[in-house]
Amino acid sequence: MWMMFDVTLDFAIKKLLGISDRQAHIMCTGMEFGKKLRLVSELLKKGDVTNGRELLSAVKILQSSKRDALTHGYIASNSSRVTFVYRNRGSYTVEKLEFAIEEFEEHVANMVKATIQFQKALAAGEGELTEFANSAG
């Protein structure tokens, strides 16, 4: 899901800043996901953007997604729980994020809904996103 949304987020940055595909790819290369979300959030707050409220609503949900722990953590699970063990940057600490299986399914479903909401509100066609993704090379 996150990989699917990554290109949409980069495309949103391009669209909101009014820059070229190449400029967007250069700018977004190596930029952390959370920083991209923050940038889009600030651009939406300050601009007169079509569907801006709906886009911002989806961004807020995605900002609370615990993406780093889920995508960069170790998984320790059993038949009733999913646990992500992740290491924090800066001063080294290790934390755990635990979900009951049902909670995790609900969490993922909410993130999927938010990504779909964002994509629809952005009003970018699949062809536009594919063209943008292909322009990276």
N, C-alpha and C. Protein backbone atom coordinates (compact mmCIF):
# COMPACT_ATOMS: atom_id res chain seq x y z
N MET A 1 0.82 -1.19 0.00
CA MET A 1 0.00 0.00 0.00
C MET A 1 0.87 1.25 0.00
N TRP A 2 1.92 1.25 0.85
CA TRP A 2 2.76 2.45 0.93
C TRP A 2 3.49 2.70 -0.38
N MET A 3 3.95 1.64 -1.03
CA MET A 3 4.65 1.84 -2.30
C MET A 3 3.71 2.38 -3.36
N MET A 4 2.46 1.94 -3.31
CA MET A 4 1.46 2.44 -4.24
C MET A 4 1.21 3.93 -4.01
N PHE A 5 1.22 4.34 -2.76
CA PHE A 5 0.91 5.73 -2.43
C PHE A 5 2.10 6.66 -2.65
N ASP A 6 3.30 6.12 -2.61
CA ASP A 6 4.50 6.94 -2.74
C ASP A 6 4.50 7.78 -4.01
N VAL A 7 4.17 7.17 -5.13
CA VAL A 7 4.16 7.90 -6.40
C VAL A 7 3.08 8.97 -6.39
N THR A 8 1.96 8.69 -5.74
CA THR A 8 0.87 9.66 -5.65
C THR A 8 1.30 10.87 -4.82
N LEU A 9 2.01 10.60 -3.75
CA LEU A 9 2.49 11.68 -2.89
C LEU A 9 3.51 12.56 -3.62
N ASP A 10 4.44 11.94 -4.32
CA ASP A 10 5.42 12.69 -5.11
C ASP A 10 4.73 13.52 -6.19
N PHE A 11 3.73 12.91 -6.84
CA PHE A 11 2.97 13.62 -7.87
C PHE A 11 2.23 14.81 -7.26
N ALA A 12 1.68 14.64 -6.06
CA ALA A 12 0.98 15.73 -5.39
C ALA A 12 1.92 16.90 -5.12
N ILE A 13 3.14 16.59 -4.70
CA ILE A 13 4.14 17.64 -4.46
C ILE A 13 4.41 18.39 -5.76
N LYS A 14 4.59 17.66 -6.85
CA LYS A 14 4.80 18.28 -8.17
C LYS A 14 3.64 19.20 -8.52
N LYS A 15 2.44 18.69 -8.35
CA LYS A 15 1.24 19.45 -8.72
C LYS A 15 1.06 20.69 -7.83
N LEU A 16 1.24 20.52 -6.53
CA LEU A 16 1.03 21.64 -5.60
C LEU A 16 2.09 22.73 -5.74
N LEU A 17 3.31 22.34 -6.10
CA LEU A 17 4.38 23.33 -6.28
C LEU A 17 4.43 23.87 -7.71
N GLY A 18 3.74 23.20 -8.63
CA GLY A 18 3.75 23.63 -10.02
C GLY A 18 5.11 23.47 -10.67
N ILE A 19 5.78 22.35 -10.35
CA ILE A 19 7.12 22.10 -10.90
C ILE A 19 7.06 20.95 -11.91
N SER A 20 8.14 20.76 -12.63
CA SER A 20 8.19 19.72 -13.65
C SER A 20 8.34 18.34 -13.01
N ASP A 21 8.08 17.31 -13.81
CA ASP A 21 8.27 15.94 -13.34
C ASP A 21 9.70 15.75 -12.83
N ARG A 22 10.66 16.19 -13.63
CA ARG A 22 12.07 16.01 -13.26
C ARG A 22 12.39 16.71 -11.94
N GLN A 23 11.93 17.94 -11.80
CA GLN A 23 12.18 18.68 -10.56
C GLN A 23 11.57 17.96 -9.36
N ALA A 24 10.37 17.42 -9.55
CA ALA A 24 9.72 16.69 -8.46
C ALA A 24 10.50 15.44 -8.09
N HIS A 25 10.96 14.70 -9.09
CA HIS A 25 11.73 13.49 -8.81
C HIS A 25 13.03 13.82 -8.08
N ILE A 26 13.70 14.87 -8.52
CA ILE A 26 14.95 15.27 -7.85
C ILE A 26 14.66 15.69 -6.42
N MET A 27 13.63 16.47 -6.23
CA MET A 27 13.29 16.97 -4.89
C MET A 27 12.89 15.83 -3.94
N CYS A 28 12.12 14.89 -4.43
CA CYS A 28 11.57 13.84 -3.58
C CYS A 28 12.52 12.67 -3.34
N THR A 29 13.56 12.55 -4.17
CA THR A 29 14.51 11.45 -4.00
C THR A 29 15.17 11.56 -2.64
N GLY A 30 15.04 10.51 -1.86
CA GLY A 30 15.66 10.48 -0.54
C GLY A 30 14.89 11.22 0.54
N MET A 31 13.81 11.91 0.18
CA MET A 31 13.02 12.61 1.19
C MET A 31 12.17 11.58 1.93
N GLU A 32 12.21 11.63 3.24
CA GLU A 32 11.45 10.69 4.04
C GLU A 32 9.96 10.89 3.85
N PHE A 33 9.23 9.80 3.96
CA PHE A 33 7.79 9.81 3.75
C PHE A 33 7.10 10.84 4.65
N GLY A 34 7.45 10.86 5.92
CA GLY A 34 6.83 11.79 6.85
C GLY A 34 7.07 13.24 6.47
N LYS A 35 8.26 13.53 5.96
CA LYS A 35 8.57 14.90 5.54
C LYS A 35 7.76 15.28 4.30
N LYS A 36 7.55 14.31 3.41
CA LYS A 36 6.72 14.57 2.24
C LYS A 36 5.28 14.88 2.67
N LEU A 37 4.76 14.08 3.60
CA LEU A 37 3.40 14.32 4.09
C LEU A 37 3.29 15.70 4.74
N ARG A 38 4.32 16.07 5.50
CA ARG A 38 4.33 17.38 6.16
C ARG A 38 4.33 18.51 5.13
N LEU A 39 5.15 18.37 4.10
CA LEU A 39 5.21 19.37 3.04
C LEU A 39 3.84 19.51 2.36
N VAL A 40 3.24 18.38 2.00
CA VAL A 40 1.92 18.42 1.35
C VAL A 40 0.89 19.05 2.28
N SER A 41 0.94 18.70 3.56
CA SER A 41 0.02 19.27 4.53
C SER A 41 0.14 20.80 4.57
N GLU A 42 1.36 21.30 4.65
CA GLU A 42 1.57 22.75 4.71
C GLU A 42 1.15 23.44 3.41
N LEU A 43 1.43 22.81 2.28
CA LEU A 43 1.02 23.39 1.00
C LEU A 43 -0.50 23.44 0.89
N LEU A 44 -1.17 22.42 1.38
CA LEU A 44 -2.63 22.40 1.35
C LEU A 44 -3.23 23.45 2.27
N LYS A 45 -2.61 23.66 3.43
CA LYS A 45 -3.11 24.65 4.39
C LYS A 45 -2.98 26.06 3.84
N LYS A 46 -1.96 26.31 3.05
CA LYS A 46 -1.66 27.67 2.61
C LYS A 46 -2.20 28.01 1.23
N GLY A 47 -2.63 27.00 0.51
CA GLY A 47 -3.04 27.26 -0.87
C GLY A 47 -4.52 27.11 -1.09
N ASP A 48 -4.96 27.66 -2.20
CA ASP A 48 -6.34 27.50 -2.63
C ASP A 48 -6.35 26.32 -3.60
N VAL A 49 -6.54 25.14 -3.05
CA VAL A 49 -6.39 23.90 -3.82
C VAL A 49 -7.76 23.23 -3.96
N THR A 50 -8.07 22.80 -5.17
CA THR A 50 -9.30 22.05 -5.39
C THR A 50 -9.28 20.81 -4.50
N ASN A 51 -10.36 20.58 -3.79
CA ASN A 51 -10.50 19.44 -2.87
C ASN A 51 -9.49 19.48 -1.72
N GLY A 52 -9.01 20.67 -1.39
CA GLY A 52 -7.98 20.82 -0.36
C GLY A 52 -8.36 20.24 0.99
N ARG A 53 -9.59 20.45 1.41
CA ARG A 53 -10.02 19.92 2.72
C ARG A 53 -10.01 18.40 2.74
N GLU A 54 -10.49 17.81 1.67
CA GLU A 54 -10.52 16.34 1.59
C GLU A 54 -9.10 15.77 1.54
N LEU A 55 -8.24 16.43 0.78
CA LEU A 55 -6.83 16.01 0.72
C LEU A 55 -6.18 16.11 2.10
N LEU A 56 -6.41 17.22 2.76
CA LEU A 56 -5.81 17.44 4.08
C LEU A 56 -6.34 16.44 5.10
N SER A 57 -7.60 16.12 5.02
CA SER A 57 -8.20 15.12 5.91
C SER A 57 -7.50 13.77 5.75
N ALA A 58 -7.26 13.37 4.51
CA ALA A 58 -6.56 12.10 4.24
C ALA A 58 -5.12 12.16 4.75
N VAL A 59 -4.46 13.29 4.54
CA VAL A 59 -3.07 13.45 5.00
C VAL A 59 -3.00 13.30 6.52
N LYS A 60 -3.93 13.89 7.23
CA LYS A 60 -3.92 13.79 8.70
C LYS A 60 -4.05 12.33 9.15
N ILE A 61 -4.89 11.58 8.50
CA ILE A 61 -5.03 10.16 8.83
C ILE A 61 -3.72 9.43 8.55
N LEU A 62 -3.12 9.70 7.41
CA LEU A 62 -1.87 9.03 7.04
C LEU A 62 -0.71 9.43 7.94
N GLN A 63 -0.74 10.67 8.45
CA GLN A 63 0.32 11.09 9.37
C GLN A 63 0.26 10.32 10.69
N SER A 64 -0.89 9.79 11.02
CA SER A 64 -1.03 9.03 12.26
C SER A 64 -0.93 7.52 12.02
N SER A 65 -0.41 7.14 10.88
CA SER A 65 -0.43 5.74 10.45
C SER A 65 0.63 4.84 11.08
N LYS A 66 1.61 5.43 11.75
CA LYS A 66 2.72 4.66 12.33
C LYS A 66 3.50 3.92 11.24
N ARG A 67 3.60 4.55 10.09
CA ARG A 67 4.22 3.94 8.92
C ARG A 67 5.64 3.46 9.18
N ASP A 68 6.46 4.28 9.83
CA ASP A 68 7.86 3.90 10.04
C ASP A 68 7.97 2.62 10.86
N ALA A 69 7.20 2.53 11.91
CA ALA A 69 7.24 1.32 12.74
C ALA A 69 6.78 0.09 11.95
N LEU A 70 5.77 0.27 11.10
CA LEU A 70 5.23 -0.85 10.34
C LEU A 70 6.14 -1.26 9.19
N THR A 71 6.77 -0.31 8.54
CA THR A 71 7.58 -0.66 7.37
C THR A 71 9.04 -0.91 7.68
N HIS A 72 9.53 -0.39 8.80
CA HIS A 72 10.95 -0.55 9.12
C HIS A 72 11.20 -1.40 10.35
N GLY A 73 10.13 -1.81 11.01
CA GLY A 73 10.29 -2.61 12.22
C GLY A 73 10.38 -4.09 11.92
N TYR A 74 10.78 -4.83 12.93
CA TYR A 74 10.76 -6.28 12.87
C TYR A 74 9.37 -6.74 13.28
N ILE A 75 8.91 -7.81 12.69
CA ILE A 75 7.58 -8.32 13.02
C ILE A 75 7.71 -9.53 13.91
N ALA A 76 6.97 -9.49 15.01
CA ALA A 76 6.86 -10.63 15.91
C ALA A 76 5.37 -10.84 16.11
N SER A 77 4.84 -11.92 15.59
CA SER A 77 3.40 -12.11 15.69
C SER A 77 3.06 -13.55 16.04
N ASN A 78 1.81 -13.71 16.46
CA ASN A 78 1.28 -15.04 16.69
C ASN A 78 -0.16 -15.04 16.19
N SER A 79 -0.94 -16.02 16.57
CA SER A 79 -2.30 -16.13 16.02
C SER A 79 -3.25 -15.05 16.52
N SER A 80 -2.89 -14.33 17.58
CA SER A 80 -3.82 -13.32 18.10
C SER A 80 -3.28 -11.89 18.09
N ARG A 81 -1.95 -11.72 17.93
CA ARG A 81 -1.35 -10.38 18.01
C ARG A 81 -0.28 -10.20 16.93
N VAL A 82 -0.14 -8.94 16.54
CA VAL A 82 0.96 -8.54 15.66
C VAL A 82 1.76 -7.50 16.42
N THR A 83 3.05 -7.73 16.52
CA THR A 83 3.93 -6.80 17.24
C THR A 83 5.03 -6.35 16.30
N PHE A 84 5.25 -5.05 16.26
CA PHE A 84 6.34 -4.47 15.48
C PHE A 84 7.37 -3.95 16.47
N VAL A 85 8.60 -4.39 16.31
CA VAL A 85 9.71 -3.94 17.15
C VAL A 85 10.53 -3.01 16.28
N TYR A 86 10.65 -1.75 16.71
CA TYR A 86 11.37 -0.79 15.87
C TYR A 86 12.35 0.03 16.69
N ARG A 87 13.38 0.46 15.98
CA ARG A 87 14.46 1.23 16.59
C ARG A 87 14.31 2.69 16.19
N ASN A 88 14.44 3.56 17.15
CA ASN A 88 14.31 4.99 16.90
C ASN A 88 15.65 5.58 16.50
N ARG A 89 15.57 6.62 15.70
CA ARG A 89 16.76 7.36 15.30
C ARG A 89 17.20 8.26 16.44
N GLY A 90 18.36 8.85 16.26
CA GLY A 90 18.87 9.75 17.29
C GLY A 90 19.45 8.92 18.42
N SER A 91 19.00 9.17 19.64
CA SER A 91 19.47 8.33 20.74
C SER A 91 18.78 6.98 20.60
N TYR A 92 19.56 5.96 20.53
CA TYR A 92 19.06 4.62 20.24
C TYR A 92 18.11 4.13 21.31
N THR A 93 16.88 3.85 20.89
CA THR A 93 15.90 3.22 21.76
C THR A 93 15.12 2.20 20.93
N VAL A 94 14.59 1.22 21.59
CA VAL A 94 13.78 0.21 20.93
C VAL A 94 12.38 0.25 21.53
N GLU A 95 11.39 0.25 20.67
CA GLU A 95 10.00 0.28 21.14
C GLU A 95 9.20 -0.80 20.44
N LYS A 96 8.07 -1.11 21.01
CA LYS A 96 7.16 -2.10 20.44
C LYS A 96 5.82 -1.44 20.16
N LEU A 97 5.24 -1.82 19.05
CA LEU A 97 3.90 -1.39 18.69
C LEU A 97 3.09 -2.66 18.52
N GLU A 98 2.08 -2.84 19.37
CA GLU A 98 1.31 -4.08 19.36
C GLU A 98 -0.14 -3.85 18.95
N PHE A 99 -0.66 -4.80 18.19
CA PHE A 99 -2.05 -4.78 17.77
C PHE A 99 -2.64 -6.17 17.99
N ALA A 100 -3.89 -6.23 18.41
CA ALA A 100 -4.65 -7.46 18.26
C ALA A 100 -4.87 -7.61 16.75
N ILE A 101 -5.02 -8.82 16.27
CA ILE A 101 -5.17 -9.05 14.83
C ILE A 101 -6.30 -8.19 14.26
N GLU A 102 -7.41 -8.12 14.95
CA GLU A 102 -8.55 -7.33 14.47
C GLU A 102 -8.22 -5.84 14.43
N GLU A 103 -7.49 -5.36 15.43
CA GLU A 103 -7.07 -3.95 15.46
C GLU A 103 -6.15 -3.64 14.28
N PHE A 104 -5.25 -4.54 14.00
CA PHE A 104 -4.32 -4.33 12.89
C PHE A 104 -5.06 -4.30 11.57
N GLU A 105 -6.01 -5.21 11.39
CA GLU A 105 -6.80 -5.23 10.15
C GLU A 105 -7.56 -3.91 9.99
N GLU A 106 -8.12 -3.40 11.08
CA GLU A 106 -8.85 -2.12 11.04
C GLU A 106 -7.90 -0.96 10.73
N HIS A 107 -6.72 -0.99 11.35
CA HIS A 107 -5.72 0.06 11.12
C HIS A 107 -5.33 0.10 9.64
N VAL A 108 -5.03 -1.06 9.08
CA VAL A 108 -4.64 -1.13 7.67
C VAL A 108 -5.79 -0.68 6.78
N ALA A 109 -7.01 -1.11 7.08
CA ALA A 109 -8.17 -0.71 6.28
C ALA A 109 -8.36 0.81 6.30
N ASN A 110 -8.15 1.43 7.45
CA ASN A 110 -8.26 2.90 7.54
C ASN A 110 -7.20 3.59 6.70
N MET A 111 -5.99 3.04 6.67
CA MET A 111 -4.92 3.63 5.86
C MET A 111 -5.23 3.48 4.37
N VAL A 112 -5.76 2.32 3.99
CA VAL A 112 -6.13 2.11 2.59
C VAL A 112 -7.23 3.09 2.19
N LYS A 113 -8.24 3.28 3.04
CA LYS A 113 -9.31 4.23 2.76
C LYS A 113 -8.76 5.65 2.60
N ALA A 114 -7.82 6.02 3.45
CA ALA A 114 -7.24 7.37 3.38
C ALA A 114 -6.44 7.55 2.10
N THR A 115 -5.71 6.53 1.67
CA THR A 115 -4.94 6.66 0.42
C THR A 115 -5.88 6.77 -0.78
N ILE A 116 -6.96 6.02 -0.76
CA ILE A 116 -7.94 6.10 -1.85
C ILE A 116 -8.62 7.47 -1.85
N GLN A 117 -8.97 7.96 -0.66
CA GLN A 117 -9.58 9.29 -0.54
C GLN A 117 -8.64 10.35 -1.12
N PHE A 118 -7.35 10.26 -0.77
CA PHE A 118 -6.37 11.23 -1.26
C PHE A 118 -6.27 11.15 -2.78
N GLN A 119 -6.14 9.93 -3.30
CA GLN A 119 -5.99 9.77 -4.75
C GLN A 119 -7.19 10.31 -5.51
N LYS A 120 -8.38 10.04 -5.00
CA LYS A 120 -9.59 10.54 -5.67
C LYS A 120 -9.66 12.07 -5.60
N ALA A 121 -9.37 12.63 -4.44
CA ALA A 121 -9.43 14.08 -4.28
C ALA A 121 -8.36 14.80 -5.10
N LEU A 122 -7.24 14.15 -5.30
CA LEU A 122 -6.16 14.74 -6.10
C LEU A 122 -6.58 14.82 -7.57
N ALA A 123 -7.51 13.98 -7.97
CA ALA A 123 -8.05 13.96 -9.33
C ALA A 123 -6.97 13.76 -10.38
N ALA A 124 -6.06 12.87 -10.09
CA ALA A 124 -5.02 12.51 -11.05
C ALA A 124 -5.40 11.16 -11.65
N GLY A 125 -5.45 11.11 -12.94
CA GLY A 125 -5.80 9.86 -13.60
C GLY A 125 -4.65 8.85 -13.52
N GLU A 126 -5.00 7.59 -13.68
CA GLU A 126 -3.99 6.53 -13.63
C GLU A 126 -2.91 6.78 -14.68
N GLY A 127 -3.32 7.28 -15.84
CA GLY A 127 -2.37 7.58 -16.91
C GLY A 127 -1.37 8.65 -16.49
N GLU A 128 -1.86 9.68 -15.79
CA GLU A 128 -0.97 10.75 -15.32
C GLU A 128 0.06 10.22 -14.33
N LEU A 129 -0.41 9.38 -13.40
CA LEU A 129 0.50 8.83 -12.40
C LEU A 129 1.52 7.89 -13.03
N THR A 130 1.07 7.09 -13.99
CA THR A 130 1.98 6.17 -14.68
C THR A 130 3.02 6.96 -15.47
N GLU A 131 2.58 7.99 -16.17
CA GLU A 131 3.50 8.84 -16.93
C GLU A 131 4.51 9.50 -16.00
N PHE A 132 4.03 10.00 -14.86
CA PHE A 132 4.93 10.61 -13.88
C PHE A 132 5.94 9.60 -13.35
N ALA A 133 5.47 8.42 -12.97
CA ALA A 133 6.38 7.38 -12.47
C ALA A 133 7.42 7.01 -13.51
N ASN A 134 6.99 6.86 -14.77
CA ASN A 134 7.92 6.49 -15.83
C ASN A 134 8.92 7.59 -16.16
N SER A 135 8.58 8.82 -15.83
CA SER A 135 9.49 9.94 -16.14
C SER A 135 10.68 9.97 -15.20
N ALA A 136 10.69 9.13 -14.18
CA ALA A 136 11.81 9.09 -13.23
C ALA A 136 13.08 8.58 -13.86
N GLY A 137 12.95 7.79 -14.91
CA GLY A 137 14.12 7.14 -15.49
C GLY A 137 14.72 7.80 -16.62
